Amino acid sequence: MDPSKNSSAYISTQTAALLAGKSVRTVNNWLESGSISGERVHAERGPGGLMWKIDLSSLAPYIPMKMADACVQEILQAEVGDAASMNHVGTYFYAANAYKIATDWFDAAAKKGHADAMEWLSICYLNGIGVEKNHALGIQWLGKAATLGHSVAKPKLRALGFEL
């Protein structure tokens, strides 16, 4: 499903903001100006019981990488809260050198308890990739991943002199 050829994939303004590396306010401004398209749908929460769903194909020019079908499928799964898919979306952005966006996806997945995302975040914080270098946060995320049994995080902590 190439988003530039298929307009049937719709995502929330929050997901659109994560994909573009922008704020929800910016996404709303794009909607108002007609730069991107979407539709108002019924929502249990939100002003007037409505919310915007963004046409993913209209957002494609603002996303700093090409999205293969597999990536689009992961985005749609991440949209419904799947932590593994959030992590996979992060790895797509990491591979495309869009590190700030990647770390935002890793952070979302890590906060849902995804150990691989925690390990990725540790790499980012320890090396200042996409975020300001912060050894304390890097070690903290590495420790959380190790606590969950992540097979790479444990030996990394041992190599750094930590006892497990």
N, C-alpha and C. Protein backbone atom coordinates (compact mmCIF):
# COMPACT_ATOMS: atom_id res chain seq x y z
N MET A 1 0.83 -1.17 0.00
CA MET A 1 0.00 0.00 0.00
C MET A 1 0.88 1.24 0.00
N ASP A 2 1.24 1.71 -1.13
CA ASP A 2 2.02 2.94 -1.27
C ASP A 2 1.11 4.11 -0.94
N PRO A 3 1.43 4.91 0.13
CA PRO A 3 0.52 5.96 0.54
C PRO A 3 0.34 7.04 -0.51
N SER A 4 1.26 7.18 -1.44
CA SER A 4 1.11 8.19 -2.48
C SER A 4 0.11 7.74 -3.54
N LYS A 5 -0.23 6.45 -3.56
CA LYS A 5 -1.16 5.91 -4.56
C LYS A 5 -2.49 5.48 -3.95
N ASN A 6 -2.58 5.44 -2.64
CA ASN A 6 -3.76 4.92 -2.00
C ASN A 6 -4.17 5.87 -0.89
N SER A 7 -5.35 6.43 -0.99
CA SER A 7 -5.78 7.39 0.01
C SER A 7 -6.71 6.78 1.04
N SER A 8 -6.73 5.46 1.16
CA SER A 8 -7.66 4.83 2.09
C SER A 8 -7.07 4.64 3.48
N ALA A 9 -5.81 4.98 3.69
CA ALA A 9 -5.19 4.84 5.00
C ALA A 9 -5.31 6.18 5.73
N TYR A 10 -6.01 6.16 6.86
CA TYR A 10 -6.20 7.37 7.65
C TYR A 10 -5.61 7.17 9.03
N ILE A 11 -5.00 8.23 9.55
CA ILE A 11 -4.33 8.18 10.85
C ILE A 11 -4.73 9.40 11.67
N SER A 12 -4.51 9.32 12.96
CA SER A 12 -4.82 10.44 13.86
C SER A 12 -3.84 11.59 13.65
N THR A 13 -4.23 12.75 14.16
CA THR A 13 -3.32 13.90 14.08
C THR A 13 -2.06 13.65 14.91
N GLN A 14 -2.19 12.89 16.00
CA GLN A 14 -1.02 12.58 16.83
C GLN A 14 -0.03 11.72 16.06
N THR A 15 -0.53 10.70 15.37
CA THR A 15 0.36 9.84 14.59
C THR A 15 0.96 10.63 13.43
N ALA A 16 0.17 11.48 12.80
CA ALA A 16 0.68 12.31 11.70
C ALA A 16 1.81 13.21 12.21
N ALA A 17 1.64 13.78 13.39
CA ALA A 17 2.68 14.64 13.96
C ALA A 17 3.96 13.85 14.22
N LEU A 18 3.84 12.63 14.76
CA LEU A 18 5.01 11.79 15.00
C LEU A 18 5.72 11.46 13.69
N LEU A 19 4.95 11.13 12.66
CA LEU A 19 5.55 10.76 11.36
C LEU A 19 6.29 11.92 10.71
N ALA A 20 5.75 13.12 10.87
CA ALA A 20 6.36 14.29 10.24
C ALA A 20 7.40 14.96 11.13
N GLY A 21 7.46 14.55 12.38
CA GLY A 21 8.40 15.19 13.31
C GLY A 21 7.96 16.61 13.65
N LYS A 22 6.67 16.85 13.65
CA LYS A 22 6.11 18.17 13.92
C LYS A 22 5.11 18.07 15.07
N SER A 23 4.55 19.20 15.45
CA SER A 23 3.54 19.21 16.51
C SER A 23 2.16 18.97 15.93
N VAL A 24 1.23 18.59 16.80
CA VAL A 24 -0.16 18.42 16.39
C VAL A 24 -0.71 19.75 15.87
N ARG A 25 -0.28 20.84 16.48
CA ARG A 25 -0.72 22.17 16.02
C ARG A 25 -0.30 22.41 14.57
N THR A 26 0.91 22.02 14.21
CA THR A 26 1.37 22.17 12.83
C THR A 26 0.52 21.32 11.89
N VAL A 27 0.22 20.10 12.29
CA VAL A 27 -0.63 19.23 11.47
C VAL A 27 -2.00 19.88 11.28
N ASN A 28 -2.56 20.44 12.35
CA ASN A 28 -3.86 21.12 12.25
C ASN A 28 -3.77 22.33 11.32
N ASN A 29 -2.65 23.05 11.38
CA ASN A 29 -2.46 24.18 10.46
C ASN A 29 -2.41 23.71 9.02
N TRP A 30 -1.74 22.59 8.76
CA TRP A 30 -1.70 22.03 7.41
C TRP A 30 -3.09 21.66 6.94
N LEU A 31 -3.90 21.11 7.84
CA LEU A 31 -5.29 20.77 7.50
C LEU A 31 -6.07 22.02 7.12
N GLU A 32 -5.96 23.04 7.97
CA GLU A 32 -6.70 24.28 7.73
C GLU A 32 -6.30 24.96 6.43
N SER A 33 -5.02 24.87 6.08
CA SER A 33 -4.54 25.52 4.86
C SER A 33 -4.78 24.67 3.61
N GLY A 34 -5.16 23.43 3.80
CA GLY A 34 -5.38 22.53 2.66
C GLY A 34 -4.11 21.85 2.18
N SER A 35 -3.01 21.99 2.92
CA SER A 35 -1.76 21.33 2.54
C SER A 35 -1.85 19.81 2.63
N ILE A 36 -2.65 19.33 3.58
CA ILE A 36 -2.93 17.91 3.71
C ILE A 36 -4.45 17.75 3.79
N SER A 37 -4.91 16.53 3.58
CA SER A 37 -6.35 16.31 3.65
C SER A 37 -6.69 15.30 4.73
N GLY A 38 -7.94 15.35 5.13
CA GLY A 38 -8.42 14.44 6.14
C GLY A 38 -9.92 14.50 6.20
N GLU A 39 -10.46 13.80 7.14
CA GLU A 39 -11.91 13.84 7.31
C GLU A 39 -12.23 13.87 8.79
N ARG A 40 -13.34 14.50 9.12
CA ARG A 40 -13.80 14.54 10.50
C ARG A 40 -14.61 13.27 10.74
N VAL A 41 -14.30 12.59 11.82
CA VAL A 41 -15.01 11.36 12.17
C VAL A 41 -15.51 11.46 13.60
N HIS A 42 -16.51 10.68 13.89
CA HIS A 42 -17.07 10.64 15.24
C HIS A 42 -16.02 10.12 16.21
N ALA A 43 -15.96 10.74 17.37
CA ALA A 43 -15.03 10.31 18.41
C ALA A 43 -15.73 10.38 19.76
N GLU A 44 -15.41 9.45 20.62
CA GLU A 44 -16.00 9.45 21.97
C GLU A 44 -15.53 10.66 22.75
N ARG A 45 -14.26 11.05 22.52
CA ARG A 45 -13.69 12.22 23.20
C ARG A 45 -13.38 13.26 22.14
N GLY A 46 -13.20 14.46 22.58
CA GLY A 46 -12.84 15.53 21.66
C GLY A 46 -13.93 16.56 21.54
N PRO A 47 -13.54 17.72 21.03
CA PRO A 47 -14.51 18.81 20.92
C PRO A 47 -15.64 18.46 19.95
N GLY A 48 -16.87 18.56 20.43
CA GLY A 48 -18.02 18.30 19.59
C GLY A 48 -18.18 16.84 19.19
N GLY A 49 -17.43 15.95 19.84
CA GLY A 49 -17.52 14.53 19.51
C GLY A 49 -16.93 14.17 18.17
N LEU A 50 -16.06 15.06 17.63
CA LEU A 50 -15.43 14.81 16.33
C LEU A 50 -13.92 14.91 16.46
N MET A 51 -13.24 14.21 15.57
CA MET A 51 -11.77 14.31 15.49
C MET A 51 -11.35 14.18 14.04
N TRP A 52 -10.16 14.66 13.74
CA TRP A 52 -9.62 14.55 12.38
C TRP A 52 -8.93 13.22 12.20
N LYS A 53 -9.11 12.62 11.05
CA LYS A 53 -8.31 11.49 10.59
C LYS A 53 -7.60 11.98 9.33
N ILE A 54 -6.29 11.88 9.31
CA ILE A 54 -5.46 12.41 8.24
C ILE A 54 -5.25 11.35 7.16
N ASP A 55 -5.42 11.76 5.91
CA ASP A 55 -5.15 10.88 4.78
C ASP A 55 -3.62 10.73 4.68
N LEU A 56 -3.14 9.53 4.93
CA LEU A 56 -1.70 9.28 4.97
C LEU A 56 -1.02 9.66 3.66
N SER A 57 -1.68 9.45 2.53
CA SER A 57 -1.07 9.80 1.24
C SER A 57 -0.84 11.30 1.11
N SER A 58 -1.71 12.12 1.71
CA SER A 58 -1.53 13.57 1.63
C SER A 58 -0.39 14.05 2.53
N LEU A 59 -0.05 13.24 3.53
CA LEU A 59 1.03 13.59 4.46
C LEU A 59 2.41 13.19 3.93
N ALA A 60 2.44 12.30 2.94
CA ALA A 60 3.70 11.74 2.44
C ALA A 60 4.78 12.78 2.15
N PRO A 61 4.47 13.95 1.54
CA PRO A 61 5.53 14.93 1.27
C PRO A 61 6.20 15.49 2.53
N TYR A 62 5.55 15.35 3.66
CA TYR A 62 6.09 15.90 4.91
C TYR A 62 6.82 14.85 5.75
N ILE A 63 6.84 13.62 5.28
CA ILE A 63 7.51 12.53 6.00
C ILE A 63 8.89 12.34 5.37
N PRO A 64 9.96 12.42 6.17
CA PRO A 64 11.32 12.44 5.61
C PRO A 64 11.88 11.09 5.17
N MET A 65 11.03 10.24 4.64
CA MET A 65 11.49 8.98 4.07
C MET A 65 10.38 8.43 3.17
N LYS A 66 10.75 7.55 2.27
CA LYS A 66 9.78 6.84 1.46
C LYS A 66 9.20 5.73 2.32
N MET A 67 7.92 5.51 2.17
CA MET A 67 7.27 4.48 2.98
C MET A 67 6.87 3.29 2.13
N ALA A 68 7.55 2.18 2.37
CA ALA A 68 7.20 0.92 1.70
C ALA A 68 5.90 0.40 2.29
N ASP A 69 5.30 -0.53 1.59
CA ASP A 69 4.04 -1.12 2.05
C ASP A 69 4.15 -1.66 3.48
N ALA A 70 5.26 -2.32 3.77
CA ALA A 70 5.44 -2.89 5.10
C ALA A 70 5.45 -1.80 6.17
N CYS A 71 6.07 -0.68 5.85
CA CYS A 71 6.12 0.44 6.80
C CYS A 71 4.72 1.00 7.03
N VAL A 72 3.95 1.15 5.96
CA VAL A 72 2.57 1.66 6.10
C VAL A 72 1.76 0.73 6.99
N GLN A 73 1.91 -0.57 6.80
CA GLN A 73 1.19 -1.53 7.64
C GLN A 73 1.60 -1.39 9.11
N GLU A 74 2.89 -1.19 9.36
CA GLU A 74 3.37 -0.99 10.73
C GLU A 74 2.79 0.30 11.31
N ILE A 75 2.72 1.35 10.52
CA ILE A 75 2.14 2.62 10.98
C ILE A 75 0.68 2.41 11.39
N LEU A 76 -0.06 1.69 10.58
CA LEU A 76 -1.47 1.45 10.89
C LEU A 76 -1.63 0.62 12.16
N GLN A 77 -0.72 -0.32 12.39
CA GLN A 77 -0.76 -1.10 13.64
C GLN A 77 -0.32 -0.23 14.83
N ALA A 78 0.67 0.62 14.62
CA ALA A 78 1.11 1.54 15.68
C ALA A 78 -0.02 2.50 16.05
N GLU A 79 -0.79 2.89 15.07
CA GLU A 79 -1.92 3.80 15.26
C GLU A 79 -2.90 3.26 16.30
N VAL A 80 -3.05 1.95 16.35
CA VAL A 80 -3.99 1.36 17.31
C VAL A 80 -3.29 0.92 18.61
N GLY A 81 -2.02 1.34 18.79
CA GLY A 81 -1.34 1.14 20.05
C GLY A 81 -0.41 -0.05 20.15
N ASP A 82 -0.10 -0.70 19.04
CA ASP A 82 0.78 -1.86 19.06
C ASP A 82 2.23 -1.43 19.27
N ALA A 83 2.79 -1.78 20.43
CA ALA A 83 4.15 -1.34 20.79
C ALA A 83 5.21 -1.90 19.84
N ALA A 84 5.08 -3.15 19.41
CA ALA A 84 6.05 -3.73 18.48
C ALA A 84 6.06 -2.95 17.17
N SER A 85 4.89 -2.57 16.70
CA SER A 85 4.82 -1.79 15.46
C SER A 85 5.40 -0.40 15.65
N MET A 86 5.18 0.19 16.80
CA MET A 86 5.79 1.50 17.09
C MET A 86 7.31 1.39 17.00
N ASN A 87 7.84 0.33 17.59
CA ASN A 87 9.28 0.10 17.54
C ASN A 87 9.75 -0.09 16.10
N HIS A 88 9.00 -0.87 15.31
CA HIS A 88 9.38 -1.08 13.91
C HIS A 88 9.36 0.23 13.13
N VAL A 89 8.36 1.06 13.35
CA VAL A 89 8.31 2.37 12.68
C VAL A 89 9.56 3.16 13.06
N GLY A 90 9.94 3.11 14.33
CA GLY A 90 11.16 3.78 14.77
C GLY A 90 12.39 3.28 14.02
N THR A 91 12.47 1.97 13.80
CA THR A 91 13.64 1.43 13.09
C THR A 91 13.65 1.87 11.62
N TYR A 92 12.47 2.03 11.01
CA TYR A 92 12.41 2.55 9.63
C TYR A 92 12.99 3.96 9.58
N PHE A 93 12.59 4.80 10.53
CA PHE A 93 13.11 6.17 10.56
C PHE A 93 14.60 6.20 10.90
N TYR A 94 15.03 5.33 11.79
CA TYR A 94 16.45 5.25 12.14
C TYR A 94 17.27 4.89 10.90
N ALA A 95 16.81 3.92 10.15
CA ALA A 95 17.51 3.49 8.93
C ALA A 95 17.54 4.60 7.88
N ALA A 96 16.54 5.49 7.93
CA ALA A 96 16.48 6.61 6.98
C ALA A 96 17.21 7.85 7.52
N ASN A 97 17.94 7.69 8.62
CA ASN A 97 18.69 8.77 9.26
C ASN A 97 17.81 9.90 9.78
N ALA A 98 16.54 9.62 10.03
CA ALA A 98 15.62 10.58 10.64
C ALA A 98 15.58 10.25 12.13
N TYR A 99 16.68 10.53 12.81
CA TYR A 99 16.89 10.04 14.16
C TYR A 99 15.95 10.64 15.20
N LYS A 100 15.64 11.92 15.09
CA LYS A 100 14.74 12.54 16.07
C LYS A 100 13.36 11.88 16.01
N ILE A 101 12.87 11.65 14.81
CA ILE A 101 11.57 11.00 14.66
C ILE A 101 11.66 9.56 15.17
N ALA A 102 12.76 8.88 14.87
CA ALA A 102 12.95 7.50 15.34
C ALA A 102 12.89 7.44 16.86
N THR A 103 13.58 8.35 17.53
CA THR A 103 13.59 8.31 19.00
C THR A 103 12.20 8.57 19.57
N ASP A 104 11.41 9.40 18.92
CA ASP A 104 10.04 9.63 19.39
C ASP A 104 9.22 8.34 19.32
N TRP A 105 9.40 7.58 18.24
CA TRP A 105 8.70 6.29 18.11
C TRP A 105 9.22 5.28 19.12
N PHE A 106 10.55 5.22 19.30
CA PHE A 106 11.12 4.31 20.30
C PHE A 106 10.59 4.65 21.70
N ASP A 107 10.50 5.95 21.99
CA ASP A 107 10.02 6.40 23.29
C ASP A 107 8.57 5.95 23.51
N ALA A 108 7.73 6.11 22.49
CA ALA A 108 6.33 5.69 22.61
C ALA A 108 6.24 4.18 22.87
N ALA A 109 7.03 3.40 22.15
CA ALA A 109 7.01 1.94 22.34
C ALA A 109 7.59 1.55 23.69
N ALA A 110 8.67 2.21 24.09
CA ALA A 110 9.31 1.89 25.38
C ALA A 110 8.36 2.17 26.54
N LYS A 111 7.61 3.24 26.44
CA LYS A 111 6.66 3.58 27.51
C LYS A 111 5.51 2.57 27.59
N LYS A 112 5.36 1.77 26.56
CA LYS A 112 4.38 0.69 26.59
C LYS A 112 5.03 -0.63 27.01
N GLY A 113 6.32 -0.59 27.39
CA GLY A 113 7.00 -1.77 27.91
C GLY A 113 7.72 -2.60 26.87
N HIS A 114 8.01 -2.05 25.71
CA HIS A 114 8.68 -2.82 24.65
C HIS A 114 10.20 -2.79 24.87
N ALA A 115 10.78 -3.95 25.17
CA ALA A 115 12.21 -4.04 25.55
C ALA A 115 13.15 -3.64 24.41
N ASP A 116 12.85 -4.02 23.16
CA ASP A 116 13.72 -3.62 22.05
C ASP A 116 13.75 -2.10 21.91
N ALA A 117 12.60 -1.47 22.06
CA ALA A 117 12.55 -0.01 21.97
C ALA A 117 13.38 0.63 23.09
N MET A 118 13.35 0.02 24.26
CA MET A 118 14.16 0.53 25.38
C MET A 118 15.64 0.44 25.04
N GLU A 119 16.03 -0.66 24.44
CA GLU A 119 17.44 -0.83 24.07
C GLU A 119 17.83 0.17 22.99
N TRP A 120 16.94 0.39 22.00
CA TRP A 120 17.20 1.40 20.98
C TRP A 120 17.34 2.79 21.61
N LEU A 121 16.45 3.10 22.55
CA LEU A 121 16.53 4.41 23.23
C LEU A 121 17.85 4.55 23.97
N SER A 122 18.31 3.48 24.58
CA SER A 122 19.58 3.55 25.30
C SER A 122 20.71 3.90 24.33
N ILE A 123 20.70 3.30 23.16
CA ILE A 123 21.72 3.62 22.14
C ILE A 123 21.65 5.10 21.78
N CYS A 124 20.44 5.57 21.57
CA CYS A 124 20.26 6.97 21.17
C CYS A 124 20.75 7.92 22.26
N TYR A 125 20.36 7.67 23.51
CA TYR A 125 20.78 8.57 24.59
C TYR A 125 22.27 8.47 24.89
N LEU A 126 22.82 7.27 24.85
CA LEU A 126 24.24 7.12 25.15
C LEU A 126 25.13 7.77 24.09
N ASN A 127 24.63 7.84 22.86
CA ASN A 127 25.43 8.38 21.76
C ASN A 127 24.95 9.73 21.23
N GLY A 128 23.89 10.26 21.80
CA GLY A 128 23.36 11.54 21.34
C GLY A 128 22.81 11.44 19.92
N ILE A 129 22.10 10.38 19.62
CA ILE A 129 21.53 10.18 18.29
C ILE A 129 20.05 10.54 18.33
N GLY A 130 19.70 11.67 17.75
CA GLY A 130 18.31 12.11 17.72
C GLY A 130 17.85 12.80 18.98
N VAL A 131 18.66 12.72 20.01
CA VAL A 131 18.37 13.36 21.30
C VAL A 131 19.69 13.90 21.85
N GLU A 132 19.58 14.76 22.83
CA GLU A 132 20.79 15.23 23.48
C GLU A 132 21.42 14.06 24.25
N LYS A 133 22.74 13.94 24.15
CA LYS A 133 23.43 12.85 24.85
C LYS A 133 23.13 12.94 26.34
N ASN A 134 22.74 11.80 26.91
CA ASN A 134 22.40 11.74 28.33
C ASN A 134 22.69 10.33 28.81
N HIS A 135 23.87 10.17 29.41
CA HIS A 135 24.28 8.84 29.85
C HIS A 135 23.35 8.26 30.90
N ALA A 136 22.84 9.10 31.80
CA ALA A 136 21.95 8.60 32.85
C ALA A 136 20.69 7.99 32.24
N LEU A 137 20.08 8.68 31.29
CA LEU A 137 18.88 8.13 30.64
C LEU A 137 19.22 6.90 29.80
N GLY A 138 20.38 6.93 29.16
CA GLY A 138 20.80 5.77 28.37
C GLY A 138 20.94 4.53 29.22
N ILE A 139 21.59 4.67 30.36
CA ILE A 139 21.76 3.54 31.28
C ILE A 139 20.41 3.13 31.87
N GLN A 140 19.56 4.11 32.17
CA GLN A 140 18.24 3.81 32.72
C GLN A 140 17.43 2.95 31.74
N TRP A 141 17.40 3.34 30.46
CA TRP A 141 16.64 2.56 29.47
C TRP A 141 17.29 1.19 29.25
N LEU A 142 18.60 1.13 29.28
CA LEU A 142 19.28 -0.14 29.12
C LEU A 142 18.94 -1.07 30.29
N GLY A 143 18.91 -0.51 31.49
CA GLY A 143 18.55 -1.28 32.67
C GLY A 143 17.12 -1.80 32.61
N LYS A 144 16.20 -0.96 32.14
CA LYS A 144 14.80 -1.40 32.01
C LYS A 144 14.68 -2.53 31.00
N ALA A 145 15.43 -2.41 29.89
CA ALA A 145 15.40 -3.48 28.88
C ALA A 145 15.97 -4.77 29.45
N ALA A 146 17.06 -4.67 30.21
CA ALA A 146 17.68 -5.85 30.82
C ALA A 146 16.74 -6.49 31.83
N THR A 147 16.05 -5.68 32.59
CA THR A 147 15.09 -6.19 33.57
C THR A 147 13.99 -7.01 32.89
N LEU A 148 13.64 -6.62 31.67
CA LEU A 148 12.64 -7.36 30.91
C LEU A 148 13.24 -8.56 30.18
N GLY A 149 14.56 -8.79 30.38
CA GLY A 149 15.20 -9.96 29.80
C GLY A 149 15.77 -9.75 28.41
N HIS A 150 15.94 -8.51 27.99
CA HIS A 150 16.48 -8.25 26.65
C HIS A 150 17.89 -8.84 26.53
N SER A 151 18.09 -9.68 25.54
CA SER A 151 19.33 -10.46 25.42
C SER A 151 20.55 -9.61 25.08
N VAL A 152 20.38 -8.45 24.51
CA VAL A 152 21.52 -7.58 24.19
C VAL A 152 21.80 -6.62 25.34
N ALA A 153 20.75 -6.18 26.02
CA ALA A 153 20.90 -5.21 27.10
C ALA A 153 21.70 -5.77 28.27
N LYS A 154 21.45 -7.03 28.62
CA LYS A 154 22.14 -7.62 29.77
C LYS A 154 23.66 -7.63 29.59
N PRO A 155 24.19 -8.17 28.47
CA PRO A 155 25.65 -8.15 28.33
C PRO A 155 26.23 -6.73 28.22
N LYS A 156 25.47 -5.82 27.66
CA LYS A 156 25.95 -4.44 27.60
C LYS A 156 26.13 -3.88 29.01
N LEU A 157 25.17 -4.13 29.88
CA LEU A 157 25.29 -3.65 31.25
C LEU A 157 26.46 -4.31 31.97
N ARG A 158 26.63 -5.60 31.75
CA ARG A 158 27.77 -6.30 32.37
C ARG A 158 29.09 -5.70 31.87
N ALA A 159 29.17 -5.42 30.58
CA ALA A 159 30.39 -4.82 29.99
C ALA A 159 30.67 -3.45 30.58
N LEU A 160 29.62 -2.77 31.00
CA LEU A 160 29.79 -1.45 31.63
C LEU A 160 30.10 -1.55 33.12
N GLY A 161 30.16 -2.78 33.64
CA GLY A 161 30.53 -2.99 35.03
C GLY A 161 29.37 -3.14 35.99
N PHE A 162 28.16 -3.27 35.47
CA PHE A 162 27.00 -3.45 36.34
C PHE A 162 26.79 -4.93 36.63
N GLU A 163 26.38 -5.23 37.85
CA GLU A 163 26.06 -6.60 38.24
C GLU A 163 24.58 -6.80 38.07
N LEU A 164 24.22 -7.94 37.52
CA LEU A 164 22.79 -8.24 37.31
C LEU A 164 22.35 -9.40 38.14
